[in-house]
Amino acid sequence: MENNMWNIRNRGEIDVNLEGYYVIGSKSDEKFIFDEYVLKSGESVRVTTNKDAPTFGNDSAIWSNLGETVYLYDENGGLVDSYGW
């Protein structure tokens, strides 16, 4: 992961609709909430801060190069995964 993007991979055997899922970092209040987006089994999606969709739409990096943890939550607020560096 780089500080301006995050890849989410579906390692499960079924497709997942990410609508309502959200990504948030430990040192920021920036929150990205997915609209309807089906992540197929075995595929990944890159969430960026300012490039292609899906994007936070922010012109500056929102995650620290010095270390941070990024969290992915489901539509009910349950922690799905996290990645720290």
PDB file of N, CA and C in Angstrom:
ATOM      1  N   MET A   1       0.834  -1.181   0.000  1.00  0.00           N
ATOM      2  CA  MET A   1       0.000   0.000   0.000  1.00  0.00           C
ATOM      3  C   MET A   1       0.876   1.241   0.000  1.00  0.00           C
ATOM      4  N   GLU A   2       0.479   2.242  -0.746  1.00  0.00           N
ATOM      5  CA  GLU A   2       1.138   3.537  -0.721  1.00  0.00           C
ATOM      6  C   GLU A   2       0.208   4.503  -0.006  1.00  0.00           C
ATOM      7  N   ASN A   3       0.729   5.665   0.360  1.00  0.00           N
ATOM      8  CA  ASN A   3      -0.107   6.568   1.142  1.00  0.00           C
ATOM      9  C   ASN A   3      -1.214   7.212   0.319  1.00  0.00           C
ATOM     10  N   ASN A   4      -1.229   7.018  -0.979  1.00  0.00           N
ATOM     11  CA  ASN A   4      -2.309   7.608  -1.767  1.00  0.00           C
ATOM     12  C   ASN A   4      -3.239   6.558  -2.365  1.00  0.00           C
ATOM     13  N   MET A   5      -3.073   5.309  -1.971  1.00  0.00           N
ATOM     14  CA  MET A   5      -3.976   4.287  -2.482  1.00  0.00           C
ATOM     15  C   MET A   5      -3.983   3.073  -1.561  1.00  0.00           C
ATOM     16  N   TRP A   6      -5.005   2.267  -1.706  1.00  0.00           N
ATOM     17  CA  TRP A   6      -5.117   1.036  -0.941  1.00  0.00           C
ATOM     18  C   TRP A   6      -5.843   0.009  -1.783  1.00  0.00           C
ATOM     19  N   ASN A   7      -5.271  -1.164  -1.909  1.00  0.00           N
ATOM     20  CA  ASN A   7      -5.891  -2.254  -2.655  1.00  0.00           C
ATOM     21  C   ASN A   7      -6.666  -3.156  -1.706  1.00  0.00           C
ATOM     22  N   ILE A   8      -7.885  -3.475  -2.088  1.00  0.00           N
ATOM     23  CA  ILE A   8      -8.721  -4.391  -1.334  1.00  0.00           C
ATOM     24  C   ILE A   8      -8.949  -5.605  -2.218  1.00  0.00           C
ATOM     25  N   ARG A   9      -8.597  -6.779  -1.743  1.00  0.00           N
ATOM     26  CA  ARG A   9      -8.748  -8.018  -2.516  1.00  0.00           C
ATOM     27  C   ARG A   9      -9.795  -8.910  -1.862  1.00  0.00           C
ATOM     28  N   ASN A  10     -10.655  -9.469  -2.697  1.00  0.00           N
ATOM     29  CA  ASN A  10     -11.651 -10.435  -2.241  1.00  0.00           C
ATOM     30  C   ASN A  10     -11.027 -11.824  -2.350  1.00  0.00           C
ATOM     31  N   ARG A  11     -10.629 -12.381  -1.236  1.00  0.00           N
ATOM     32  CA  ARG A  11     -10.022 -13.715  -1.219  1.00  0.00           C
ATOM     33  C   ARG A  11     -11.051 -14.804  -0.966  1.00  0.00           C
ATOM     34  N   GLY A  12     -12.297 -14.418  -0.883  1.00  0.00           N
ATOM     35  CA  GLY A  12     -13.365 -15.390  -0.662  1.00  0.00           C
ATOM     36  C   GLY A  12     -13.804 -16.054  -1.959  1.00  0.00           C
ATOM     37  N   GLU A  13     -14.756 -16.955  -1.829  1.00  0.00           N
ATOM     38  CA  GLU A  13     -15.246 -17.709  -2.982  1.00  0.00           C
ATOM     39  C   GLU A  13     -16.499 -17.115  -3.601  1.00  0.00           C
ATOM     40  N   ILE A  14     -17.061 -16.071  -2.975  1.00  0.00           N
ATOM     41  CA  ILE A  14     -18.262 -15.433  -3.525  1.00  0.00           C
ATOM     42  C   ILE A  14     -18.007 -13.953  -3.756  1.00  0.00           C
ATOM     43  N   ASP A  15     -18.776 -13.365  -4.669  1.00  0.00           N
ATOM     44  CA  ASP A  15     -18.700 -11.932  -4.914  1.00  0.00           C
ATOM     45  C   ASP A  15     -19.277 -11.187  -3.707  1.00  0.00           C
ATOM     46  N   VAL A  16     -18.743  -9.968  -3.451  1.00  0.00           N
ATOM     47  CA  VAL A  16     -19.200  -9.167  -2.316  1.00  0.00           C
ATOM     48  C   VAL A  16     -19.607  -7.784  -2.810  1.00  0.00           C
ATOM     49  N   ASN A  17     -20.827  -7.370  -2.467  1.00  0.00           N
ATOM     50  CA  ASN A  17     -21.248  -6.010  -2.763  1.00  0.00           C
ATOM     51  C   ASN A  17     -20.737  -5.120  -1.635  1.00  0.00           C
ATOM     52  N   LEU A  18     -19.837  -4.186  -1.969  1.00  0.00           N
ATOM     53  CA  LEU A  18     -19.212  -3.330  -0.952  1.00  0.00           C
ATOM     54  C   LEU A  18     -20.041  -2.096  -0.600  1.00  0.00           C
ATOM     55  N   GLU A  19     -21.261  -2.000  -1.104  1.00  0.00           N
ATOM     56  CA  GLU A  19     -22.081  -0.835  -0.802  1.00  0.00           C
ATOM     57  C   GLU A  19     -22.209  -0.661   0.709  1.00  0.00           C
ATOM     58  N   GLY A  20     -21.865   0.520   1.201  1.00  0.00           N
ATOM     59  CA  GLY A  20     -21.944   0.823   2.626  1.00  0.00           C
ATOM     60  C   GLY A  20     -20.680   0.486   3.389  1.00  0.00           C
ATOM     61  N   TYR A  21     -19.781  -0.310   2.815  1.00  0.00           N
ATOM     62  CA  TYR A  21     -18.479  -0.575   3.441  1.00  0.00           C
ATOM     63  C   TYR A  21     -17.693   0.726   3.450  1.00  0.00           C
ATOM     64  N   TYR A  22     -16.777   0.873   4.410  1.00  0.00           N
ATOM     65  CA  TYR A  22     -15.976   2.088   4.428  1.00  0.00           C
ATOM     66  C   TYR A  22     -14.548   1.843   4.869  1.00  0.00           C
ATOM     67  N   VAL A  23     -13.675   2.740   4.437  1.00  0.00           N
ATOM     68  CA  VAL A  23     -12.246   2.703   4.725  1.00  0.00           C
ATOM     69  C   VAL A  23     -11.908   3.957   5.512  1.00  0.00           C
ATOM     70  N   ILE A  24     -11.130   3.796   6.596  1.00  0.00           N
ATOM     71  CA  ILE A  24     -10.706   4.937   7.404  1.00  0.00           C
ATOM     72  C   ILE A  24      -9.309   4.644   7.967  1.00  0.00           C
ATOM     73  N   GLY A  25      -8.486   5.687   8.074  1.00  0.00           N
ATOM     74  CA  GLY A  25      -7.142   5.541   8.622  1.00  0.00           C
ATOM     75  C   GLY A  25      -7.099   5.880  10.103  1.00  0.00           C
ATOM     76  N   SER A  26      -6.065   5.403  10.780  1.00  0.00           N
ATOM     77  CA  SER A  26      -5.947   5.606  12.225  1.00  0.00           C
ATOM     78  C   SER A  26      -5.533   7.020  12.602  1.00  0.00           C
ATOM     79  N   LYS A  27      -4.945   7.776  11.691  1.00  0.00           N
ATOM     80  CA  LYS A  27      -4.468   9.127  12.008  1.00  0.00           C
ATOM     81  C   LYS A  27      -5.232  10.203  11.252  1.00  0.00           C
ATOM     82  N   SER A  28      -6.398   9.877  10.778  1.00  0.00           N
ATOM     83  CA  SER A  28      -7.159  10.818   9.967  1.00  0.00           C
ATOM     84  C   SER A  28      -8.643  10.585  10.179  1.00  0.00           C
ATOM     85  N   ASP A  29      -9.405  11.630   9.960  1.00  0.00           N
ATOM     86  CA  ASP A  29     -10.855  11.451  10.022  1.00  0.00           C
ATOM     87  C   ASP A  29     -11.440  11.283   8.622  1.00  0.00           C
ATOM     88  N   GLU A  30     -10.569  11.189   7.594  1.00  0.00           N
ATOM     89  CA  GLU A  30     -11.023  10.952   6.235  1.00  0.00           C
ATOM     90  C   GLU A  30     -11.648   9.560   6.152  1.00  0.00           C
ATOM     91  N   LYS A  31     -12.838   9.492   5.594  1.00  0.00           N
ATOM     92  CA  LYS A  31     -13.570   8.233   5.521  1.00  0.00           C
ATOM     93  C   LYS A  31     -14.093   8.075   4.102  1.00  0.00           C
ATOM     94  N   PHE A  32     -13.830   6.943   3.497  1.00  0.00           N
ATOM     95  CA  PHE A  32     -14.369   6.650   2.180  1.00  0.00           C
ATOM     96  C   PHE A  32     -15.457   5.608   2.330  1.00  0.00           C
ATOM     97  N   ILE A  33     -16.658   5.925   1.826  1.00  0.00           N
ATOM     98  CA  ILE A  33     -17.787   5.004   1.876  1.00  0.00           C
ATOM     99  C   ILE A  33     -18.099   4.552   0.460  1.00  0.00           C
ATOM    100  N   PHE A  34     -18.140   3.239   0.255  1.00  0.00           N
ATOM    101  CA  PHE A  34     -18.441   2.698  -1.061  1.00  0.00           C
ATOM    102  C   PHE A  34     -19.904   2.898  -1.414  1.00  0.00           C
ATOM    103  N   ASP A  35     -20.147   3.291  -2.674  1.00  0.00           N
ATOM    104  CA  ASP A  35     -21.472   3.166  -3.266  1.00  0.00           C
ATOM    105  C   ASP A  35     -21.583   1.709  -3.699  1.00  0.00           C
ATOM    106  N   GLU A  36     -22.623   1.362  -4.427  1.00  0.00           N
ATOM    107  CA  GLU A  36     -22.725  -0.021  -4.882  1.00  0.00           C
ATOM    108  C   GLU A  36     -21.513  -0.372  -5.729  1.00  0.00           C
ATOM    109  N   TYR A  37     -20.809  -1.394  -5.310  1.00  0.00           N
ATOM    110  CA  TYR A  37     -19.604  -1.842  -6.000  1.00  0.00           C
ATOM    111  C   TYR A  37     -19.424  -3.326  -5.699  1.00  0.00           C
ATOM    112  N   VAL A  38     -19.543  -4.152  -6.722  1.00  0.00           N
ATOM    113  CA  VAL A  38     -19.410  -5.598  -6.528  1.00  0.00           C
ATOM    114  C   VAL A  38     -17.961  -5.998  -6.766  1.00  0.00           C
ATOM    115  N   LEU A  39     -17.343  -6.548  -5.737  1.00  0.00           N
ATOM    116  CA  LEU A  39     -15.974  -7.038  -5.814  1.00  0.00           C
ATOM    117  C   LEU A  39     -16.049  -8.551  -6.006  1.00  0.00           C
ATOM    118  N   LYS A  40     -15.669  -8.974  -7.197  1.00  0.00           N
ATOM    119  CA  LYS A  40     -15.776 -10.395  -7.541  1.00  0.00           C
ATOM    120  C   LYS A  40     -14.707 -11.212  -6.833  1.00  0.00           C
ATOM    121  N   SER A  41     -15.018 -12.474  -6.631  1.00  0.00           N
ATOM    122  CA  SER A  41     -14.092 -13.405  -6.000  1.00  0.00           C
ATOM    123  C   SER A  41     -12.758 -13.391  -6.737  1.00  0.00           C
ATOM    124  N   GLY A  42     -11.663 -13.228  -5.964  1.00  0.00           N
ATOM    125  CA  GLY A  42     -10.328 -13.233  -6.538  1.00  0.00           C
ATOM    126  C   GLY A  42      -9.870 -11.917  -7.120  1.00  0.00           C
ATOM    127  N   GLU A  43     -10.754 -10.927  -7.197  1.00  0.00           N
ATOM    128  CA  GLU A  43     -10.384  -9.630  -7.770  1.00  0.00           C
ATOM    129  C   GLU A  43     -10.064  -8.623  -6.672  1.00  0.00           C
ATOM    130  N   SER A  44      -9.472  -7.504  -7.089  1.00  0.00           N
ATOM    131  CA  SER A  44      -9.159  -6.439  -6.143  1.00  0.00           C
ATOM    132  C   SER A  44      -9.610  -5.107  -6.705  1.00  0.00           C
ATOM    133  N   VAL A  45      -9.756  -4.145  -5.809  1.00  0.00           N
ATOM    134  CA  VAL A  45     -10.094  -2.781  -6.190  1.00  0.00           C
ATOM    135  C   VAL A  45      -9.113  -1.860  -5.488  1.00  0.00           C
ATOM    136  N   ARG A  46      -8.677  -0.825  -6.168  1.00  0.00           N
ATOM    137  CA  ARG A  46      -7.755   0.158  -5.608  1.00  0.00           C
ATOM    138  C   ARG A  46      -8.539   1.409  -5.226  1.00  0.00           C
ATOM    139  N   VAL A  47      -8.469   1.777  -3.959  1.00  0.00           N
ATOM    140  CA  VAL A  47      -9.086   3.001  -3.475  1.00  0.00           C
ATOM    141  C   VAL A  47      -7.994   4.066  -3.451  1.00  0.00           C
ATOM    142  N   THR A  48      -8.198   5.169  -4.171  1.00  0.00           N
ATOM    143  CA  THR A  48      -7.188   6.221  -4.246  1.00  0.00           C
ATOM    144  C   THR A  48      -7.666   7.478  -3.532  1.00  0.00           C
ATOM    145  N   THR A  49      -6.730   8.398  -3.305  1.00  0.00           N
ATOM    146  CA  THR A  49      -7.131   9.666  -2.690  1.00  0.00           C
ATOM    147  C   THR A  49      -7.544  10.696  -3.724  1.00  0.00           C
ATOM    148  N   ASN A  50      -7.007  10.602  -4.932  1.00  0.00           N
ATOM    149  CA  ASN A  50      -7.309  11.675  -5.881  1.00  0.00           C
ATOM    150  C   ASN A  50      -7.236  11.267  -7.339  1.00  0.00           C
ATOM    151  N   LYS A  51      -7.308   9.980  -7.640  1.00  0.00           N
ATOM    152  CA  LYS A  51      -7.210   9.554  -9.036  1.00  0.00           C
ATOM    153  C   LYS A  51      -8.496   8.894  -9.478  1.00  0.00           C
ATOM    154  N   ASP A  52      -8.369   7.714 -10.040  1.00  0.00           N
ATOM    155  CA  ASP A  52      -9.515   7.006 -10.589  1.00  0.00           C
ATOM    156  C   ASP A  52     -10.473   6.545  -9.496  1.00  0.00           C
ATOM    157  N   ALA A  53     -11.718   6.379  -9.880  1.00  0.00           N
ATOM    158  CA  ALA A  53     -12.728   5.889  -8.948  1.00  0.00           C
ATOM    159  C   ALA A  53     -12.461   4.426  -8.621  1.00  0.00           C
ATOM    160  N   PRO A  54     -12.739   3.941  -7.443  1.00  0.00           N
ATOM    161  CA  PRO A  54     -13.262   4.724  -6.318  1.00  0.00           C
ATOM    162  C   PRO A  54     -12.172   5.573  -5.672  1.00  0.00           C
ATOM    163  N   THR A  55     -12.549   6.798  -5.294  1.00  0.00           N
ATOM    164  CA  THR A  55     -11.573   7.745  -4.768  1.00  0.00           C
ATOM    165  C   THR A  55     -12.146   8.584  -3.634  1.00  0.00           C
ATOM    166  N   PHE A  56     -11.249   8.992  -2.734  1.00  0.00           N
ATOM    167  CA  PHE A  56     -11.635   9.937  -1.691  1.00  0.00           C
ATOM    168  C   PHE A  56     -11.899  11.318  -2.271  1.00  0.00           C
ATOM    169  N   GLY A  57     -11.331  11.630  -3.451  1.00  0.00           N
ATOM    170  CA  GLY A  57     -11.496  12.939  -4.071  1.00  0.00           C
ATOM    171  C   GLY A  57     -10.734  14.019  -3.346  1.00  0.00           C
ATOM    172  N   ASN A  58      -9.571  13.673  -2.775  1.00  0.00           N
ATOM    173  CA  ASN A  58      -8.760  14.616  -2.005  1.00  0.00           C
ATOM    174  C   ASN A  58      -7.440  14.827  -2.739  1.00  0.00           C
ATOM    175  N   ASP A  59      -7.031  16.076  -2.946  1.00  0.00           N
ATOM    176  CA  ASP A  59      -5.819  16.369  -3.700  1.00  0.00           C
ATOM    177  C   ASP A  59      -4.529  16.147  -2.934  1.00  0.00           C
ATOM    178  N   SER A  60      -4.601  15.855  -1.670  1.00  0.00           N
ATOM    179  CA  SER A  60      -3.377  15.591  -0.906  1.00  0.00           C
ATOM    180  C   SER A  60      -3.458  14.204  -0.269  1.00  0.00           C
ATOM    181  N   ALA A  61      -2.285  13.635   0.025  1.00  0.00           N
ATOM    182  CA  ALA A  61      -2.246  12.319   0.658  1.00  0.00           C
ATOM    183  C   ALA A  61      -2.937  12.384   2.015  1.00  0.00           C
ATOM    184  N   ILE A  62      -3.667  11.346   2.343  1.00  0.00           N
ATOM    185  CA  ILE A  62      -4.381  11.353   3.623  1.00  0.00           C
ATOM    186  C   ILE A  62      -3.812  10.350   4.601  1.00  0.00           C
ATOM    187  N   TRP A  63      -2.890   9.495   4.146  1.00  0.00           N
ATOM    188  CA  TRP A  63      -2.276   8.522   5.027  1.00  0.00           C
ATOM    189  C   TRP A  63      -0.815   8.840   5.213  1.00  0.00           C
ATOM    190  N   SER A  64      -0.305   8.650   6.397  1.00  0.00           N
ATOM    191  CA  SER A  64       1.056   9.030   6.777  1.00  0.00           C
ATOM    192  C   SER A  64       2.093   8.053   6.237  1.00  0.00           C
ATOM    193  N   ASN A  65       3.186   8.607   5.693  1.00  0.00           N
ATOM    194  CA  ASN A  65       4.323   7.780   5.284  1.00  0.00           C
ATOM    195  C   ASN A  65       5.091   7.248   6.491  1.00  0.00           C
ATOM    196  N   LEU A  66       4.857   7.826   7.659  1.00  0.00           N
ATOM    197  CA  LEU A  66       5.591   7.447   8.861  1.00  0.00           C
ATOM    198  C   LEU A  66       4.981   6.247   9.577  1.00  0.00           C
ATOM    199  N   GLY A  67       3.867   5.808   9.133  1.00  0.00           N
ATOM    200  CA  GLY A  67       3.211   4.658   9.738  1.00  0.00           C
ATOM    201  C   GLY A  67       1.784   4.975  10.128  1.00  0.00           C
ATOM    202  N   GLU A  68       0.915   4.031   9.887  1.00  0.00           N
ATOM    203  CA  GLU A  68      -0.499   4.208  10.160  1.00  0.00           C
ATOM    204  C   GLU A  68      -1.176   2.850   9.991  1.00  0.00           C
ATOM    205  N   THR A  69      -2.400   2.751  10.413  1.00  0.00           N
ATOM    206  CA  THR A  69      -3.204   1.575  10.146  1.00  0.00           C
ATOM    207  C   THR A  69      -4.463   2.033   9.424  1.00  0.00           C
ATOM    208  N   VAL A  70      -4.819   1.311   8.372  1.00  0.00           N
ATOM    209  CA  VAL A  70      -6.033   1.598   7.622  1.00  0.00           C
ATOM    210  C   VAL A  70      -7.000   0.447   7.866  1.00  0.00           C
ATOM    211  N   TYR A  71      -8.248   0.784   8.094  1.00  0.00           N
ATOM    212  CA  TYR A  71      -9.272  -0.192   8.458  1.00  0.00           C
ATOM    213  C   TYR A  71     -10.367  -0.243   7.399  1.00  0.00           C
ATOM    214  N   LEU A  72     -10.873  -1.442   7.153  1.00  0.00           N
ATOM    215  CA  LEU A  72     -12.032  -1.649   6.289  1.00  0.00           C
ATOM    216  C   LEU A  72     -13.160  -2.196   7.153  1.00  0.00           C
ATOM    217  N   TYR A  73     -14.304  -1.511   7.143  1.00  0.00           N
ATOM    218  CA  TYR A  73     -15.480  -1.925   7.909  1.00  0.00           C
ATOM    219  C   TYR A  73     -16.619  -2.274   6.964  1.00  0.00           C
ATOM    220  N   ASP A  74     -17.466  -3.201   7.387  1.00  0.00           N
ATOM    221  CA  ASP A  74     -18.634  -3.533   6.577  1.00  0.00           C
ATOM    222  C   ASP A  74     -19.747  -2.514   6.819  1.00  0.00           C
ATOM    223  N   GLU A  75     -20.861  -2.728   6.138  1.00  0.00           N
ATOM    224  CA  GLU A  75     -21.970  -1.769   6.206  1.00  0.00           C
ATOM    225  C   GLU A  75     -22.601  -1.690   7.588  1.00  0.00           C
ATOM    226  N   ASN A  76     -22.325  -2.652   8.463  1.00  0.00           N
ATOM    227  CA  ASN A  76     -22.852  -2.637   9.823  1.00  0.00           C
ATOM    228  C   ASN A  76     -21.836  -2.137  10.845  1.00  0.00           C
ATOM    229  N   GLY A  77     -20.666  -1.695  10.377  1.00  0.00           N
ATOM    230  CA  GLY A  77     -19.632  -1.198  11.276  1.00  0.00           C
ATOM    231  C   GLY A  77     -18.729  -2.276  11.832  1.00  0.00           C
ATOM    232  N   GLY A  78     -18.826  -3.499  11.307  1.00  0.00           N
ATOM    233  CA  GLY A  78     -17.958  -4.592  11.751  1.00  0.00           C
ATOM    234  C   GLY A  78     -16.620  -4.544  11.028  1.00  0.00           C
ATOM    235  N   LEU A  79     -15.551  -4.706  11.771  1.00  0.00           N
ATOM    236  CA  LEU A  79     -14.213  -4.679  11.183  1.00  0.00           C
ATOM    237  C   LEU A  79     -14.029  -5.887  10.277  1.00  0.00           C
ATOM    238  N   VAL A  80     -13.649  -5.633   9.026  1.00  0.00           N
ATOM    239  CA  VAL A  80     -13.415  -6.696   8.051  1.00  0.00           C
ATOM    240  C   VAL A  80     -11.936  -7.003   7.958  1.00  0.00           C
ATOM    241  N   ASP A  81     -11.108  -5.959   7.897  1.00  0.00           N
ATOM    242  CA  ASP A  81      -9.671  -6.147   7.756  1.00  0.00           C
ATOM    243  C   ASP A  81      -8.966  -4.847   8.095  1.00  0.00           C
ATOM    244  N   SER A  82      -7.657  -4.958   8.319  1.00  0.00           N
ATOM    245  CA  SER A  82      -6.844  -3.770   8.548  1.00  0.00           C
ATOM    246  C   SER A  82      -5.449  -4.021   7.985  1.00  0.00           C
ATOM    247  N   TYR A  83      -4.752  -2.939   7.726  1.00  0.00           N
ATOM    248  CA  TYR A  83      -3.392  -3.033   7.212  1.00  0.00           C
ATOM    249  C   TYR A  83      -2.572  -1.928   7.857  1.00  0.00           C
ATOM    250  N   GLY A  84      -1.478  -2.290   8.492  1.00  0.00           N
ATOM    251  CA  GLY A  84      -0.600  -1.310   9.134  1.00  0.00           C
ATOM    252  C   GLY A  84       0.773  -1.314   8.523  1.00  0.00           C
ATOM    253  N   TRP A  85       1.425  -0.158   8.567  1.00  0.00           N
ATOM    254  CA  TRP A  85       2.807  -0.044   8.090  1.00  0.00           C
ATOM    255  C   TRP A  85       3.575   0.904   8.950  1.00  0.00           C
TER     256      TRP A  85
END
